[in-house]
């Protein structure tokens, strides 16, 4: 497919069914994709919706659009300070007392 899948946004598949003609599918990602598993899941979903008139003889794909990947958010602190741990414990106590509706 794409060498490294960096920022894949739109992909076109052309499925050739021999005498039964071709079907064209376009896969569009809301956010640029870089994980093969995400692309594979989108392809499986798209191909399962296609009406297969005959056996597949040929497939071709074209990358239509790529985009920049968003940078991951870095953390400022390696370990949470004691105040956050105490606050987390207080939150757990409130959740136990008032149920799962406390955290949304």
N, C-alpha and C. Protein backbone atom coordinates (compact mmCIF):
# COMPACT_ATOMS: atom_id res chain seq x y z
N UNK A 1 0.85 -1.17 0.00
CA UNK A 1 0.00 0.00 0.00
C UNK A 1 0.90 1.23 0.00
N UNK A 2 0.83 2.08 1.00
CA UNK A 2 1.68 3.24 1.11
C UNK A 2 2.89 2.85 1.95
N UNK A 3 4.06 3.33 1.60
CA UNK A 3 5.28 2.91 2.28
C UNK A 3 5.19 3.04 3.79
N UNK A 4 4.77 4.19 4.30
CA UNK A 4 4.72 4.35 5.75
C UNK A 4 3.38 4.87 6.27
N UNK A 5 2.42 5.08 5.40
CA UNK A 5 1.06 5.51 5.79
C UNK A 5 1.04 6.81 6.58
N UNK A 6 2.02 7.64 6.44
CA UNK A 6 2.04 8.89 7.20
C UNK A 6 1.03 9.88 6.65
N UNK A 7 -0.01 10.11 7.42
CA UNK A 7 -0.97 11.15 7.10
C UNK A 7 -1.96 10.81 5.99
N UNK A 8 -2.30 9.55 5.83
CA UNK A 8 -3.25 9.15 4.79
C UNK A 8 -4.63 9.73 5.08
N UNK A 9 -5.19 10.46 4.12
CA UNK A 9 -6.50 11.10 4.29
C UNK A 9 -7.58 10.47 3.42
N UNK A 10 -7.26 10.24 2.14
CA UNK A 10 -8.23 9.65 1.21
C UNK A 10 -7.55 8.62 0.33
N UNK A 11 -8.26 7.54 0.10
CA UNK A 11 -7.74 6.41 -0.67
C UNK A 11 -8.85 5.94 -1.61
N UNK A 12 -8.51 5.72 -2.87
CA UNK A 12 -9.50 5.21 -3.83
C UNK A 12 -9.12 3.78 -4.20
N UNK A 13 -10.11 2.90 -4.16
CA UNK A 13 -9.95 1.51 -4.57
C UNK A 13 -10.77 1.29 -5.83
N UNK A 14 -10.17 0.63 -6.81
CA UNK A 14 -10.89 0.22 -8.01
C UNK A 14 -10.87 -1.30 -8.02
N UNK A 15 -12.05 -1.89 -7.91
CA UNK A 15 -12.20 -3.33 -7.87
C UNK A 15 -12.66 -3.81 -9.24
N UNK A 16 -11.87 -4.69 -9.85
CA UNK A 16 -12.21 -5.22 -11.17
C UNK A 16 -12.82 -6.60 -11.06
N UNK A 17 -14.03 -6.75 -11.61
CA UNK A 17 -14.76 -8.01 -11.55
C UNK A 17 -14.87 -8.67 -12.91
N UNK A 18 -13.89 -8.43 -13.79
CA UNK A 18 -13.90 -9.06 -15.11
C UNK A 18 -15.07 -8.60 -15.93
N UNK A 19 -15.87 -9.54 -16.42
CA UNK A 19 -17.01 -9.22 -17.28
C UNK A 19 -18.07 -8.39 -16.56
N UNK A 20 -18.08 -8.41 -15.23
CA UNK A 20 -19.10 -7.69 -14.46
C UNK A 20 -18.73 -6.23 -14.22
N UNK A 21 -17.61 -5.78 -14.73
CA UNK A 21 -17.25 -4.38 -14.62
C UNK A 21 -16.41 -4.05 -13.39
N UNK A 22 -16.41 -2.78 -13.05
CA UNK A 22 -15.61 -2.28 -11.93
C UNK A 22 -16.51 -1.62 -10.89
N UNK A 23 -16.01 -1.60 -9.68
CA UNK A 23 -16.63 -0.84 -8.60
C UNK A 23 -15.53 0.07 -8.04
N UNK A 24 -15.89 1.31 -7.77
CA UNK A 24 -14.94 2.26 -7.21
C UNK A 24 -15.38 2.60 -5.79
N UNK A 25 -14.45 2.51 -4.86
CA UNK A 25 -14.71 2.85 -3.46
C UNK A 25 -13.71 3.92 -3.04
N UNK A 26 -14.18 4.90 -2.31
CA UNK A 26 -13.30 5.92 -1.76
C UNK A 26 -13.39 5.87 -0.25
N UNK A 27 -12.24 5.78 0.39
CA UNK A 27 -12.17 5.75 1.85
C UNK A 27 -11.61 7.09 2.30
N UNK A 28 -12.36 7.78 3.15
CA UNK A 28 -11.94 9.09 3.65
C UNK A 28 -11.79 9.02 5.16
N UNK A 29 -10.69 9.54 5.66
CA UNK A 29 -10.43 9.57 7.10
C UNK A 29 -10.61 11.00 7.60
N UNK A 30 -11.33 11.15 8.71
CA UNK A 30 -11.54 12.48 9.29
C UNK A 30 -10.21 13.05 9.79
N UNK A 31 -9.41 12.21 10.38
CA UNK A 31 -8.07 12.59 10.83
C UNK A 31 -7.06 11.79 10.02
N UNK A 32 -5.93 12.36 9.66
CA UNK A 32 -4.94 11.60 8.89
C UNK A 32 -4.56 10.30 9.60
N UNK A 33 -4.50 9.22 8.84
CA UNK A 33 -4.21 7.90 9.40
C UNK A 33 -2.74 7.55 9.22
N UNK A 34 -2.18 6.91 10.23
CA UNK A 34 -0.81 6.44 10.13
C UNK A 34 -0.67 5.00 10.60
N UNK A 35 -1.71 4.45 11.23
CA UNK A 35 -1.65 3.08 11.72
C UNK A 35 -2.27 2.14 10.69
N UNK A 36 -1.54 1.09 10.36
CA UNK A 36 -2.02 0.10 9.41
C UNK A 36 -3.34 -0.51 9.88
N UNK A 37 -3.48 -0.74 11.18
CA UNK A 37 -4.71 -1.36 11.70
C UNK A 37 -5.93 -0.47 11.44
N UNK A 38 -5.77 0.83 11.54
CA UNK A 38 -6.87 1.76 11.29
C UNK A 38 -7.25 1.76 9.81
N UNK A 39 -6.26 1.75 8.94
CA UNK A 39 -6.52 1.71 7.50
C UNK A 39 -7.16 0.38 7.13
N UNK A 40 -6.64 -0.70 7.68
CA UNK A 40 -7.20 -2.03 7.40
C UNK A 40 -8.66 -2.11 7.83
N UNK A 41 -8.99 -1.60 9.01
CA UNK A 41 -10.37 -1.62 9.51
C UNK A 41 -11.29 -0.83 8.59
N UNK A 42 -10.85 0.32 8.11
CA UNK A 42 -11.66 1.13 7.20
C UNK A 42 -11.86 0.41 5.87
N UNK A 43 -10.83 -0.27 5.39
CA UNK A 43 -10.95 -1.02 4.13
C UNK A 43 -11.91 -2.18 4.28
N UNK A 44 -11.82 -2.90 5.38
CA UNK A 44 -12.73 -4.02 5.62
C UNK A 44 -14.17 -3.53 5.67
N UNK A 45 -14.41 -2.43 6.36
CA UNK A 45 -15.76 -1.87 6.45
C UNK A 45 -16.27 -1.46 5.07
N UNK A 46 -15.43 -0.79 4.32
CA UNK A 46 -15.84 -0.33 2.99
C UNK A 46 -16.10 -1.50 2.04
N UNK A 47 -15.21 -2.50 2.06
CA UNK A 47 -15.36 -3.63 1.15
C UNK A 47 -16.52 -4.54 1.52
N UNK A 48 -16.88 -4.56 2.80
CA UNK A 48 -18.02 -5.39 3.20
C UNK A 48 -19.34 -4.78 2.73
N UNK A 49 -19.34 -3.49 2.41
CA UNK A 49 -20.55 -2.83 1.94
C UNK A 49 -20.72 -2.92 0.42
N UNK A 50 -19.69 -3.41 -0.27
CA UNK A 50 -19.73 -3.49 -1.73
C UNK A 50 -20.52 -4.71 -2.17
N UNK A 51 -21.34 -4.55 -3.17
CA UNK A 51 -22.04 -5.68 -3.78
C UNK A 51 -21.07 -6.33 -4.76
N UNK A 52 -20.73 -7.58 -4.53
CA UNK A 52 -19.75 -8.30 -5.34
C UNK A 52 -20.48 -9.08 -6.43
N UNK A 53 -20.49 -8.58 -7.67
CA UNK A 53 -21.24 -9.23 -8.73
C UNK A 53 -20.57 -10.50 -9.28
N UNK A 54 -19.30 -10.65 -9.05
CA UNK A 54 -18.53 -11.80 -9.53
C UNK A 54 -17.27 -11.90 -8.68
N UNK A 55 -16.40 -12.83 -9.03
CA UNK A 55 -15.16 -12.95 -8.28
C UNK A 55 -14.22 -11.79 -8.64
N UNK A 56 -13.47 -11.35 -7.67
CA UNK A 56 -12.56 -10.23 -7.84
C UNK A 56 -11.35 -10.68 -8.65
N UNK A 57 -11.07 -9.97 -9.74
CA UNK A 57 -9.94 -10.32 -10.58
C UNK A 57 -8.79 -9.33 -10.45
N UNK A 58 -9.11 -8.13 -10.05
CA UNK A 58 -8.08 -7.09 -10.02
C UNK A 58 -8.45 -6.04 -8.99
N UNK A 59 -7.45 -5.49 -8.34
CA UNK A 59 -7.67 -4.38 -7.42
C UNK A 59 -6.53 -3.38 -7.60
N UNK A 60 -6.88 -2.12 -7.59
CA UNK A 60 -5.89 -1.05 -7.68
C UNK A 60 -6.25 0.02 -6.68
N UNK A 61 -5.27 0.65 -6.09
CA UNK A 61 -5.55 1.73 -5.16
C UNK A 61 -4.69 2.93 -5.50
N UNK A 62 -5.24 4.07 -5.17
CA UNK A 62 -4.57 5.34 -5.42
C UNK A 62 -4.73 6.20 -4.17
N UNK A 63 -3.63 6.76 -3.71
CA UNK A 63 -3.69 7.70 -2.59
C UNK A 63 -4.11 9.05 -3.18
N UNK A 64 -5.26 9.53 -2.76
CA UNK A 64 -5.81 10.78 -3.28
C UNK A 64 -5.37 12.00 -2.48
N UNK A 65 -5.17 11.80 -1.19
CA UNK A 65 -4.86 12.96 -0.34
C UNK A 65 -4.10 12.51 0.90
N UNK A 66 -3.14 13.28 1.28
CA UNK A 66 -2.44 13.07 2.55
C UNK A 66 -2.49 14.38 3.33
N UNK A 67 -2.25 14.30 4.61
CA UNK A 67 -2.26 15.49 5.46
C UNK A 67 -1.26 15.34 6.58
N UNK A 68 -1.04 16.41 7.26
CA UNK A 68 -0.09 16.39 8.37
C UNK A 68 -0.70 15.68 9.57
N UNK A 69 0.13 14.92 10.25
CA UNK A 69 -0.29 14.29 11.49
C UNK A 69 -0.17 15.29 12.62
N UNK A 70 -1.10 15.25 13.56
CA UNK A 70 -0.99 16.15 14.71
C UNK A 70 0.08 15.62 15.65
N UNK A 71 0.81 16.52 16.23
CA UNK A 71 1.89 16.15 17.14
C UNK A 71 1.31 15.64 18.45
N UNK A 72 1.90 14.61 19.03
CA UNK A 72 1.39 14.11 20.31
C UNK A 72 1.64 15.13 21.42
N UNK A 73 0.73 15.19 22.37
CA UNK A 73 0.87 16.09 23.51
C UNK A 73 1.89 15.52 24.47
N UNK A 74 2.90 16.29 24.75
CA UNK A 74 3.94 15.86 25.69
C UNK A 74 3.55 16.24 27.10
N UNK A 75 4.02 15.49 28.06
CA UNK A 75 3.74 15.77 29.45
C UNK A 75 4.88 16.59 30.06
N UNK A 76 4.54 17.42 31.00
CA UNK A 76 5.56 18.23 31.67
C UNK A 76 6.19 17.49 32.85
N UNK A 77 5.44 16.56 33.41
CA UNK A 77 5.90 15.89 34.61
C UNK A 77 5.95 14.39 34.37
N UNK A 78 7.03 13.77 34.80
CA UNK A 78 7.17 12.33 34.61
C UNK A 78 6.24 11.58 35.56
N UNK A 79 6.28 11.91 36.85
CA UNK A 79 5.42 11.27 37.84
C UNK A 79 4.45 12.32 38.39
N UNK A 80 3.21 11.92 38.65
CA UNK A 80 2.27 12.90 39.20
C UNK A 80 2.68 13.32 40.60
N UNK A 81 2.60 14.60 40.91
CA UNK A 81 2.95 15.05 42.25
C UNK A 81 1.97 14.51 43.28
N UNK A 82 2.36 14.53 44.51
CA UNK A 82 1.55 13.99 45.61
C UNK A 82 0.18 14.64 45.69
N UNK A 83 0.09 15.95 45.38
CA UNK A 83 -1.20 16.61 45.45
C UNK A 83 -2.20 15.99 44.47
N UNK A 84 -1.73 15.62 43.28
CA UNK A 84 -2.63 15.01 42.30
C UNK A 84 -3.04 13.62 42.72
N UNK A 85 -2.14 12.89 43.36
CA UNK A 85 -2.49 11.56 43.86
C UNK A 85 -3.56 11.66 44.94
N UNK A 86 -3.42 12.65 45.83
CA UNK A 86 -4.42 12.84 46.88
C UNK A 86 -5.76 13.26 46.28
N UNK A 87 -5.73 14.10 45.27
CA UNK A 87 -6.94 14.55 44.60
C UNK A 87 -7.61 13.36 43.88
N UNK A 88 -6.81 12.50 43.29
CA UNK A 88 -7.34 11.31 42.63
C UNK A 88 -8.02 10.38 43.64
N UNK A 89 -7.40 10.24 44.81
CA UNK A 89 -7.99 9.39 45.85
C UNK A 89 -9.32 9.98 46.32
N UNK A 90 -9.38 11.31 46.46
CA UNK A 90 -10.63 11.96 46.86
C UNK A 90 -11.71 11.76 45.80
N UNK A 91 -11.32 11.81 44.54
CA UNK A 91 -12.27 11.58 43.45
C UNK A 91 -12.82 10.16 43.48
N UNK A 92 -11.96 9.18 43.76
CA UNK A 92 -12.42 7.79 43.85
C UNK A 92 -13.41 7.61 44.99
N UNK A 93 -13.14 8.28 46.13
CA UNK A 93 -14.05 8.19 47.27
C UNK A 93 -15.43 8.77 46.92
N UNK A 94 -15.43 9.90 46.23
CA UNK A 94 -16.70 10.51 45.82
C UNK A 94 -17.44 9.61 44.83
N UNK A 95 -16.71 8.99 43.93
CA UNK A 95 -17.33 8.08 42.96
C UNK A 95 -17.93 6.87 43.66
N UNK A 96 -17.25 6.37 44.69
CA UNK A 96 -17.80 5.24 45.45
C UNK A 96 -19.07 5.65 46.19
N UNK A 97 -19.05 6.85 46.72
CA UNK A 97 -20.19 7.31 47.50
C UNK A 97 -21.40 7.65 46.63
N UNK A 98 -21.17 8.35 45.49
CA UNK A 98 -22.26 8.84 44.68
C UNK A 98 -22.51 8.03 43.41
N UNK A 99 -21.68 7.04 43.15
CA UNK A 99 -21.89 6.17 41.99
C UNK A 99 -21.16 6.66 40.74
N UNK A 100 -21.39 5.92 39.67
CA UNK A 100 -20.67 6.18 38.44
C UNK A 100 -21.06 7.50 37.78
N UNK A 101 -22.18 8.09 38.18
CA UNK A 101 -22.60 9.35 37.56
C UNK A 101 -21.73 10.51 38.02
N UNK A 102 -20.88 10.30 39.02
CA UNK A 102 -20.02 11.38 39.50
C UNK A 102 -19.01 11.77 38.43
N UNK A 103 -18.39 10.78 37.77
CA UNK A 103 -17.44 11.05 36.69
C UNK A 103 -18.11 10.83 35.36
N UNK A 104 -17.99 11.80 34.48
CA UNK A 104 -18.54 11.66 33.12
C UNK A 104 -17.47 11.99 32.14
